C-alpha atoms as a PDB file:
ATOM      1  CA  UNK A   1      -0.429   0.372  -0.064  1.00  0.00           C
ATOM      2  CA  UNK A   2       1.478   3.374  -1.056  1.00  0.00           C
ATOM      3  CA  UNK A   3      -0.361   6.174   0.484  1.00  0.00           C
ATOM      4  CA  UNK A   4      -0.280  10.250  -0.767  1.00  0.00           C
ATOM      5  CA  UNK A   5      -1.445  12.979   0.915  1.00  0.00           C
ATOM      6  CA  UNK A   6      -2.241  16.146  -0.502  1.00  0.00           C
ATOM      7  CA  UNK A   7      -2.772  18.468   2.855  1.00  0.00           C
ATOM      8  CA  UNK A   8      -0.687  17.647   6.051  1.00  0.00           C
ATOM      9  CA  UNK A   9      -2.775  19.677   8.557  1.00  0.00           C
ATOM     10  CA  UNK A  10      -3.856  18.479  11.751  1.00  0.00           C
ATOM     11  CA  UNK A  11      -6.289  15.098  10.934  1.00  0.00           C
ATOM     12  CA  UNK A  12      -3.911  14.175   8.421  1.00  0.00           C
ATOM     13  CA  UNK A  13      -0.943  14.483  10.282  1.00  0.00           C
ATOM     14  CA  UNK A  14      -2.782  12.236  13.136  1.00  0.00           C
ATOM     15  CA  UNK A  15      -3.427   9.495  10.780  1.00  0.00           C
ATOM     16  CA  UNK A  16      -0.430   9.509   9.322  1.00  0.00           C
ATOM     17  CA  UNK A  17       1.340   8.540  13.358  1.00  0.00           C
ATOM     18  CA  UNK A  18      -1.873   6.284  13.626  1.00  0.00           C
ATOM     19  CA  UNK A  19      -0.757   4.639  10.449  1.00  0.00           C
ATOM     20  CA  UNK A  20       2.520   3.534  12.496  1.00  0.00           C
ATOM     21  CA  UNK A  21       0.925   2.822  16.235  1.00  0.00           C
ATOM     22  CA  UNK A  22      -0.626   0.330  14.580  1.00  0.00           C
ATOM     23  CA  UNK A  23      -0.297  -3.643  12.378  1.00  0.00           C
ATOM     24  CA  UNK A  24      -0.666  -1.541   8.828  1.00  0.00           C
ATOM     25  CA  UNK A  25       1.217  -2.800   6.601  1.00  0.00           C
ATOM     26  CA  UNK A  26       1.992   1.075   4.505  1.00  0.00           C
ATOM     27  CA  UNK A  27       5.550   0.481   2.003  1.00  0.00           C
ATOM     28  CA  UNK A  28       5.650   4.154   1.090  1.00  0.00           C
ATOM     29  CA  UNK A  29       3.337   7.880   2.380  1.00  0.00           C
ATOM     30  CA  UNK A  30       4.261  10.292  -0.015  1.00  0.00           C
ATOM     31  CA  UNK A  31       3.152  14.156   1.869  1.00  0.00           C
ATOM     32  CA  UNK A  32       3.078  17.685   0.559  1.00  0.00           C
ATOM     33  CA  UNK A  33       4.979  20.489   1.828  1.00  0.00           C
ATOM     34  CA  UNK A  34       1.691  22.365   2.026  1.00  0.00           C
ATOM     35  CA  UNK A  35       2.420  22.749   5.981  1.00  0.00           C
ATOM     36  CA  UNK A  36       6.026  22.564   6.197  1.00  0.00           C
ATOM     37  CA  UNK A  37       6.766  22.068   9.645  1.00  0.00           C
ATOM     38  CA  UNK A  38       4.021  19.397  10.155  1.00  0.00           C
ATOM     39  CA  UNK A  39       5.831  18.025   7.225  1.00  0.00           C
ATOM     40  CA  UNK A  40       9.406  18.367   7.622  1.00  0.00           C
ATOM     41  CA  UNK A  41       8.308  16.689  11.524  1.00  0.00           C
ATOM     42  CA  UNK A  42       6.903  14.258   9.534  1.00  0.00           C
ATOM     43  CA  UNK A  43       9.582  12.630   7.479  1.00  0.00           C
ATOM     44  CA  UNK A  44      12.009  13.633   9.999  1.00  0.00           C
ATOM     45  CA  UNK A  45      10.190  10.978  12.861  1.00  0.00           C
ATOM     46  CA  UNK A  46       9.318   8.077   9.951  1.00  0.00           C
ATOM     47  CA  UNK A  47      11.700   7.165   6.973  1.00  0.00           C
ATOM     48  CA  UNK A  48       9.173   5.463   4.936  1.00  0.00           C
ATOM     49  CA  UNK A  49       7.545   8.815   4.757  1.00  0.00           C
ATOM     50  CA  UNK A  50       8.958  11.438   1.993  1.00  0.00           C
ATOM     51  CA  UNK A  51       7.755  14.985   1.415  1.00  0.00           C
ATOM     52  CA  UNK A  52       6.729  15.620  -2.365  1.00  0.00           C
ATOM     53  CA  UNK A  53       6.434  19.289  -3.024  1.00  0.00           C
ATOM     54  CA  UNK A  54       3.783  18.648  -6.417  1.00  0.00           C
ATOM     55  CA  UNK A  55       0.119  17.742  -6.150  1.00  0.00           C
ATOM     56  CA  UNK A  56       0.261  15.542  -9.156  1.00  0.00           C
ATOM     57  CA  UNK A  57       4.170  14.121  -8.519  1.00  0.00           C
ATOM     58  CA  UNK A  58       2.588  12.265  -5.426  1.00  0.00           C
ATOM     59  CA  UNK A  59      -0.914  11.849  -7.314  1.00  0.00           C
ATOM     60  CA  UNK A  60       1.340   9.733 -10.327  1.00  0.00           C
ATOM     61  CA  UNK A  61       3.373   7.523  -7.210  1.00  0.00           C
ATOM     62  CA  UNK A  62       0.208   6.801  -4.859  1.00  0.00           C
ATOM     63  CA  UNK A  63      -2.242   3.656  -4.584  1.00  0.00           C
ATOM     64  CA  UNK A  64      -4.767   5.338  -2.085  1.00  0.00           C
ATOM     65  CA  UNK A  65      -4.512   9.271  -2.940  1.00  0.00           C
ATOM     66  CA  UNK A  66      -5.970  11.125   1.367  1.00  0.00           C
ATOM     67  CA  UNK A  67      -7.396  14.478   0.340  1.00  0.00           C
ATOM     68  CA  UNK A  68      -6.908  16.933   3.944  1.00  0.00           C
ATOM     69  CA  UNK A  69      -6.898  20.390   2.415  1.00  0.00           C
ATOM     70  CA  UNK A  70     -10.023  23.131   3.360  1.00  0.00           C
ATOM     71  CA  UNK A  71     -12.892  22.926   1.086  1.00  0.00           C
ATOM     72  CA  UNK A  72     -11.323  26.874  -0.049  1.00  0.00           C
ATOM     73  CA  UNK A  73      -8.240  25.278  -1.559  1.00  0.00           C
ATOM     74  CA  UNK A  74     -10.018  21.748  -2.816  1.00  0.00           C
ATOM     75  CA  UNK A  75     -12.165  23.865  -4.891  1.00  0.00           C
ATOM     76  CA  UNK A  76      -9.260  26.040  -6.298  1.00  0.00           C
ATOM     77  CA  UNK A  77      -6.614  22.508  -6.329  1.00  0.00           C
ATOM     78  CA  UNK A  78      -8.625  19.497  -7.694  1.00  0.00           C
ATOM     79  CA  UNK A  79     -10.020  19.823 -10.666  1.00  0.00           C
ATOM     80  CA  UNK A  80      -6.500  21.639 -12.173  1.00  0.00           C
ATOM     81  CA  UNK A  81      -4.825  17.749 -11.174  1.00  0.00           C
ATOM     82  CA  UNK A  82      -5.671  14.962 -13.311  1.00  0.00           C
ATOM     83  CA  UNK A  83      -6.479  11.686 -10.301  1.00  0.00           C
ATOM     84  CA  UNK A  84      -6.483   7.904 -12.548  1.00  0.00           C
ATOM     85  CA  UNK A  85      -9.958   5.756 -12.534  1.00  0.00           C
ATOM     86  CA  UNK A  86      -7.491   3.294 -10.975  1.00  0.00           C
ATOM     87  CA  UNK A  87      -6.864   5.535  -8.049  1.00  0.00           C
ATOM     88  CA  UNK A  88      -8.430   5.974  -4.719  1.00  0.00           C
ATOM     89  CA  UNK A  89      -9.528   8.907  -3.294  1.00  0.00           C
ATOM     90  CA  UNK A  90     -10.750   9.082   0.719  1.00  0.00           C
ATOM     91  CA  UNK A  91     -11.824  12.897   1.259  1.00  0.00           C
ATOM     92  CA  UNK A  92     -11.485  14.624   4.668  1.00  0.00           C
ATOM     93  CA  UNK A  93     -12.236  17.660   3.334  1.00  0.00           C
ATOM     94  CA  UNK A  94     -15.521  18.763   5.573  1.00  0.00           C
ATOM     95  CA  UNK A  95     -18.159  20.646   3.237  1.00  0.00           C
ATOM     96  CA  UNK A  96     -17.403  19.193  -0.479  1.00  0.00           C
ATOM     97  CA  UNK A  97     -19.555  16.956  -1.044  1.00  0.00           C
ATOM     98  CA  UNK A  98     -19.755  13.852  -2.914  1.00  0.00           C
ATOM     99  CA  UNK A  99     -21.336  14.616  -6.506  1.00  0.00           C
ATOM    100  CA  UNK A 100     -18.404  17.665  -6.186  1.00  0.00           C
ATOM    101  CA  UNK A 101     -15.417  15.902  -5.555  1.00  0.00           C
ATOM    102  CA  UNK A 102     -16.292  13.345  -8.001  1.00  0.00           C
ATOM    103  CA  UNK A 103     -17.060  16.507 -10.764  1.00  0.00           C
ATOM    104  CA  UNK A 104     -13.674  17.716  -9.320  1.00  0.00           C
ATOM    105  CA  UNK A 105     -11.561  15.034  -9.544  1.00  0.00           C
ATOM    106  CA  UNK A 106     -13.101  13.722 -12.649  1.00  0.00           C
ATOM    107  CA  UNK A 107     -12.692   9.801 -10.451  1.00  0.00           C
ATOM    108  CA  UNK A 108     -15.334   8.038  -9.692  1.00  0.00           C
ATOM    109  CA  UNK A 109     -13.992   5.722  -6.904  1.00  0.00           C
ATOM    110  CA  UNK A 110     -13.996   8.471  -3.716  1.00  0.00           C
ATOM    111  CA  UNK A 111     -15.327   8.480  -0.343  1.00  0.00           C
ATOM    112  CA  UNK A 112     -15.884  10.940   2.449  1.00  0.00           C
ATOM    113  CA  UNK A 113     -14.267   9.748   5.669  1.00  0.00           C
ATOM    114  CA  UNK A 114     -14.788  11.398   9.044  1.00  0.00           C
ATOM    115  CA  UNK A 115     -11.541  11.166  11.249  1.00  0.00           C
ATOM    116  CA  UNK A 116     -11.278  12.689  14.144  1.00  0.00           C
ATOM    117  CA  UNK A 117      -7.219  13.302  15.616  1.00  0.00           C
ATOM    118  CA  UNK A 118      -7.580  10.644  18.342  1.00  0.00           C
ATOM    119  CA  UNK A 119      -7.159   8.262  14.976  1.00  0.00           C
ATOM    120  CA  UNK A 120      -3.403   9.547  16.781  1.00  0.00           C
ATOM    121  CA  UNK A 121      -3.682   6.263  18.884  1.00  0.00           C
ATOM    122  CA  UNK A 122      -6.243   3.958  17.057  1.00  0.00           C
ATOM    123  CA  UNK A 123      -9.286   5.271  18.524  1.00  0.00           C
ATOM    124  CA  UNK A 124     -12.410   6.637  18.335  1.00  0.00           C
ATOM    125  CA  UNK A 125     -15.279   6.340  15.258  1.00  0.00           C
ATOM    126  CA  UNK A 126     -14.034   6.789  11.901  1.00  0.00           C
ATOM    127  CA  UNK A 127     -17.547   7.318   9.781  1.00  0.00           C
ATOM    128  CA  UNK A 128     -17.305   7.199   5.748  1.00  0.00           C
ATOM    129  CA  UNK A 129     -19.909   6.792   3.158  1.00  0.00           C
ATOM    130  CA  UNK A 130     -21.016   5.212   0.858  1.00  0.00           C
ATOM    131  CA  UNK A 131     -19.966   2.406   2.188  1.00  0.00           C
ATOM    132  CA  UNK A 132     -16.297   1.061   0.679  1.00  0.00           C
ATOM    133  CA  UNK A 133     -14.148  -2.000   1.288  1.00  0.00           C
ATOM    134  CA  UNK A 134     -11.013  -0.618   0.333  1.00  0.00           C
ATOM    135  CA  UNK A 135     -11.183   2.840   2.937  1.00  0.00           C
ATOM    136  CA  UNK A 136     -12.960   0.164   5.773  1.00  0.00           C
ATOM    137  CA  UNK A 137      -9.764  -2.478   5.266  1.00  0.00           C
ATOM    138  CA  UNK A 138      -7.247   0.540   5.372  1.00  0.00           C
ATOM    139  CA  UNK A 139      -9.320   2.368   8.599  1.00  0.00           C
ATOM    140  CA  UNK A 140     -10.235  -0.951  10.498  1.00  0.00           C
ATOM    141  CA  UNK A 141      -6.495  -0.606  11.534  1.00  0.00           C
ATOM    142  CA  UNK A 142      -7.002   2.557  13.134  1.00  0.00           C
ATOM    143  CA  UNK A 143     -10.657   3.191  14.907  1.00  0.00           C
ATOM    144  CA  UNK A 144     -14.093   1.973  15.229  1.00  0.00           C
ATOM    145  CA  UNK A 145     -15.618   2.236  11.588  1.00  0.00           C
ATOM    146  CA  UNK A 146     -19.137   3.357  10.833  1.00  0.00           C
ATOM    147  CA  UNK A 147     -20.166   2.476   6.503  1.00  0.00           C
ATOM    148  CA  UNK A 148     -23.116   5.001   6.101  1.00  0.00           C
ATOM    149  CA  UNK A 149     -25.143   4.646   3.040  1.00  0.00           C
ATOM    150  CA  UNK A 150     -26.867   8.107   3.182  1.00  0.00           C
ATOM    151  CA  UNK A 151     -24.180  10.928   2.437  1.00  0.00           C
ATOM    152  CA  UNK A 152     -27.261  13.322   3.741  1.00  0.00           C
ATOM    153  CA  UNK A 153     -27.041  11.245   7.357  1.00  0.00           C
ATOM    154  CA  UNK A 154     -23.173  11.349   7.475  1.00  0.00           C
ATOM    155  CA  UNK A 155     -23.505  15.655   8.145  1.00  0.00           C
ATOM    156  CA  UNK A 156     -24.759  14.240  11.447  1.00  0.00           C
ATOM    157  CA  UNK A 157     -21.549  12.501  12.710  1.00  0.00           C
ATOM    158  CA  UNK A 158     -20.260  15.644  11.376  1.00  0.00           C
ATOM    159  CA  UNK A 159     -21.754  17.882  13.255  1.00  0.00           C
ATOM    160  CA  UNK A 160     -21.448  15.626  16.860  1.00  0.00           C
ATOM    161  CA  UNK A 161     -17.426  15.143  15.427  1.00  0.00           C
ATOM    162  CA  UNK A 162     -18.070  19.588  16.122  1.00  0.00           C
ATOM    163  CA  UNK A 163     -18.125  18.621  19.674  1.00  0.00           C
ATOM    164  CA  UNK A 164     -14.646  17.844  20.367  1.00  0.00           C
ATOM    165  CA  UNK A 165     -13.171  21.649  21.411  1.00  0.00           C
ATOM    166  CA  UNK A 166     -16.105  22.493  23.321  1.00  0.00           C
ATOM    167  CA  UNK A 167     -15.697  18.406  25.737  1.00  0.00           C
ATOM    168  CA  UNK A 168     -11.882  19.975  26.073  1.00  0.00           C
ATOM    169  CA  UNK A 169     -13.256  23.231  26.989  1.00  0.00           C
ATOM    170  CA  UNK A 170     -15.092  21.133  29.718  1.00  0.00           C
ATOM    171  CA  UNK A 171     -11.937  19.420  31.063  1.00  0.00           C
ATOM    172  CA  UNK A 172     -10.407  23.087  30.783  1.00  0.00           C
ATOM    173  CA  UNK A 173     -12.868  24.776  32.931  1.00  0.00           C
ATOM    174  CA  UNK A 174     -13.176  21.457  35.445  1.00  0.00           C
ATOM    175  CA  UNK A 175      -9.616  21.224  36.526  1.00  0.00           C
ATOM    176  CA  UNK A 176      -8.839  24.899  36.022  1.00  0.00           C
ATOM    177  CA  UNK A 177     -11.733  25.027  39.513  1.00  0.00           C
ATOM    178  CA  UNK A 178      -9.692  22.984  40.795  1.00  0.00           C
ATOM    179  CA  UNK A 179      -6.467  24.663  40.909  1.00  0.00           C
ATOM    180  CA  UNK A 180      -8.506  27.836  42.371  1.00  0.00           C
ATOM    181  CA  UNK A 181      -9.905  25.820  44.550  1.00  0.00           C
ATOM    182  CA  UNK A 182      -5.950  25.115  45.677  1.00  0.00           C
ATOM    183  CA  UNK A 183      -5.645  22.057  43.820  1.00  0.00           C
ATOM    184  CA  UNK A 184      -1.833  21.450  42.173  1.00  0.00           C
ATOM    185  CA  UNK A 185      -1.877  21.499  38.447  1.00  0.00           C
ATOM    186  CA  UNK A 186      -0.350  18.479  37.905  1.00  0.00           C
ATOM    187  CA  UNK A 187      -2.689  16.543  40.169  1.00  0.00           C
ATOM    188  CA  UNK A 188      -5.719  18.363  38.736  1.00  0.00           C
ATOM    189  CA  UNK A 189      -5.545  17.761  35.138  1.00  0.00           C
ATOM    190  CA  UNK A 190      -4.666  13.687  36.037  1.00  0.00           C
ATOM    191  CA  UNK A 191      -7.503  13.594  38.058  1.00  0.00           C
ATOM    192  CA  UNK A 192     -10.157  15.465  35.900  1.00  0.00           C
ATOM    193  CA  UNK A 193      -8.994  13.360  32.204  1.00  0.00           C
ATOM    194  CA  UNK A 194      -9.233  10.079  34.782  1.00  0.00           C
ATOM    195  CA  UNK A 195     -12.630  10.676  35.854  1.00  0.00           C
ATOM    196  CA  UNK A 196     -13.801  11.673  32.350  1.00  0.00           C
ATOM    197  CA  UNK A 197     -12.174   8.991  30.679  1.00  0.00           C
ATOM    198  CA  UNK A 198     -13.824   6.040  33.151  1.00  0.00           C
ATOM    199  CA  UNK A 199     -16.783   8.478  32.246  1.00  0.00           C
ATOM    200  CA  UNK A 200     -16.652   7.545  28.577  1.00  0.00           C
ATOM    201  CA  UNK A 201     -15.126   3.783  28.764  1.00  0.00           C
ATOM    202  CA  UNK A 202     -18.416   2.841  31.054  1.00  0.00           C
ATOM    203  CA  UNK A 203     -20.524   4.731  28.733  1.00  0.00           C
ATOM    204  CA  UNK A 204     -19.305   2.300  25.994  1.00  0.00           C
ATOM    205  CA  UNK A 205     -18.852  -0.942  27.671  1.00  0.00           C
ATOM    206  CA  UNK A 206     -23.207  -0.204  28.840  1.00  0.00           C
ATOM    207  CA  UNK A 207     -24.028   1.495  25.717  1.00  0.00           C
ATOM    208  CA  UNK A 208     -26.144  -0.818  24.802  1.00  0.00           C
ATOM    209  CA  UNK A 209     -28.349   0.153  28.012  1.00  0.00           C
ATOM    210  CA  UNK A 210     -28.603   3.599  26.651  1.00  0.00           C
ATOM    211  CA  UNK A 211     -26.903   6.421  27.926  1.00  0.00           C
ATOM    212  CA  UNK A 212     -30.326   7.691  29.476  1.00  0.00           C
ATOM    213  CA  UNK A 213     -29.823   4.882  31.490  1.00  0.00           C
ATOM    214  CA  UNK A 214     -26.480   6.289  32.760  1.00  0.00           C
ATOM    215  CA  UNK A 215     -27.767   9.322  33.210  1.00  0.00           C
ATOM    216  CA  UNK A 216     -30.914   8.378  35.851  1.00  0.00           C
ATOM    217  CA  UNK A 217     -27.902   4.995  37.249  1.00  0.00           C
ATOM    218  CA  UNK A 218     -25.341   8.658  38.264  1.00  0.00           C
ATOM    219  CA  UNK A 219     -28.524  10.327  40.303  1.00  0.00           C
ATOM    220  CA  UNK A 220     -29.187  10.074  43.688  1.00  0.00           C
ATOM    221  CA  UNK A 221     -32.573  11.706  45.617  1.00  0.00           C
ATOM    222  CA  UNK A 222     -31.654  15.595  45.751  1.00  0.00           C
ATOM    223  CA  UNK A 223     -27.905  14.210  45.612  1.00  0.00           C
ATOM    224  CA  UNK A 224     -24.979  16.165  44.068  1.00  0.00           C
ATOM    225  CA  UNK A 225     -24.683  14.853  40.247  1.00  0.00           C
ATOM    226  CA  UNK A 226     -28.617  15.634  40.478  1.00  0.00           C
ATOM    227  CA  UNK A 227     -27.577  19.325  41.605  1.00  0.00           C
ATOM    228  CA  UNK A 228     -25.501  20.048  38.822  1.00  0.00           C
ATOM    229  CA  UNK A 229     -28.005  18.266  36.442  1.00  0.00           C
ATOM    230  CA  UNK A 230     -31.022  20.301  37.201  1.00  0.00           C
ATOM    231  CA  UNK A 231     -28.761  23.577  37.695  1.00  0.00           C
ATOM    232  CA  UNK A 232     -27.124  23.223  34.415  1.00  0.00           C
ATOM    233  CA  UNK A 233     -30.869  21.938  32.796  1.00  0.00           C
ATOM    234  CA  UNK A 234     -31.951  24.780  33.936  1.00  0.00           C
ATOM    235  CA  UNK A 235     -29.716  28.161  32.791  1.00  0.00           C
ATOM    236  CA  UNK A 236     -30.524  25.978  28.944  1.00  0.00           C
ATOM    237  CA  UNK A 237     -27.129  24.854  28.952  1.00  0.00           C
ATOM    238  CA  UNK A 238     -28.417  21.485  26.980  1.00  0.00           C
ATOM    239  CA  UNK A 239     -30.647  23.371  24.780  1.00  0.00           C
ATOM    240  CA  UNK A 240     -27.834  25.233  23.791  1.00  0.00           C
ATOM    241  CA  UNK A 241     -26.273  22.347  23.405  1.00  0.00           C
ATOM    242  CA  UNK A 242     -28.938  21.066  21.147  1.00  0.00           C
ATOM    243  CA  UNK A 243     -28.539  24.082  19.178  1.00  0.00           C
ATOM    244  CA  UNK A 244     -25.396  25.096  18.160  1.00  0.00           C
ATOM    245  CA  UNK A 245     -25.712  21.282  16.608  1.00  0.00           C
ATOM    246  CA  UNK A 246     -28.060  22.380  15.119  1.00  0.00           C
ATOM    247  CA  UNK A 247     -26.577  25.494  13.580  1.00  0.00           C
ATOM    248  CA  UNK A 248     -23.528  22.853  12.597  1.00  0.00           C
ATOM    249  CA  UNK A 249     -25.192  20.241  11.094  1.00  0.00           C
ATOM    250  CA  UNK A 250     -26.760  23.795   8.319  1.00  0.00           C
ATOM    251  CA  UNK A 251     -23.501  24.547   8.055  1.00  0.00           C
ATOM    252  CA  UNK A 252     -21.915  21.037   6.519  1.00  0.00           C
ATOM    253  CA  UNK A 253     -25.765  20.243   4.564  1.00  0.00           C
ATOM    254  CA  UNK A 254     -25.772  23.535   2.422  1.00  0.00           C
END
């Protein structure tokens, strides 16, 4: 397997780190020099990674091409490149739909994928649309693959993928509160990280029960968890949360 990355941003670099943390066998990875600092770091760290400044050369040398550029860049450069029909294309571009990607690349062998930064440690969901055997065989080593046939439904996953920064901010606010109360920063960060990790692992283990049951089971009448939940609901925290998801969904569904 020879991979070619057009665009070497955060997600592309996370995929590459994930590849070398996995059992996936890759002969060579060609990466563009668009983000020079990231590209240089990857090339220096891994012998099988090589920087190439010419995007067409990356396409010609690779069996699977991964598009990791921004939508604006994608709309500008993709139509100028030649994608042979035997090349497999995986697009990480958030707002360019399949029909347009096929027109821009003049290639029907293309899928959209939504990996997240934890792919670096071979964790997290990876949404693929439409279902594709080659893409699934590639990503199954890097995380939990979810295949979606309906592209419009796949946008809903793109919307929930936008929760990362908000999630980390909850961790940041929680740890900062502990620090202000006199807890050592290292200890506060470790506690909060372990707390949310354990909650997430428990949710994965018990997901078949439904999250509503987890909410109920984590409370006791007039207890501390019930108090926090009631106060957040009263302040419309969760209503605003859903509103933000709806706004993102409108943006990615255009």
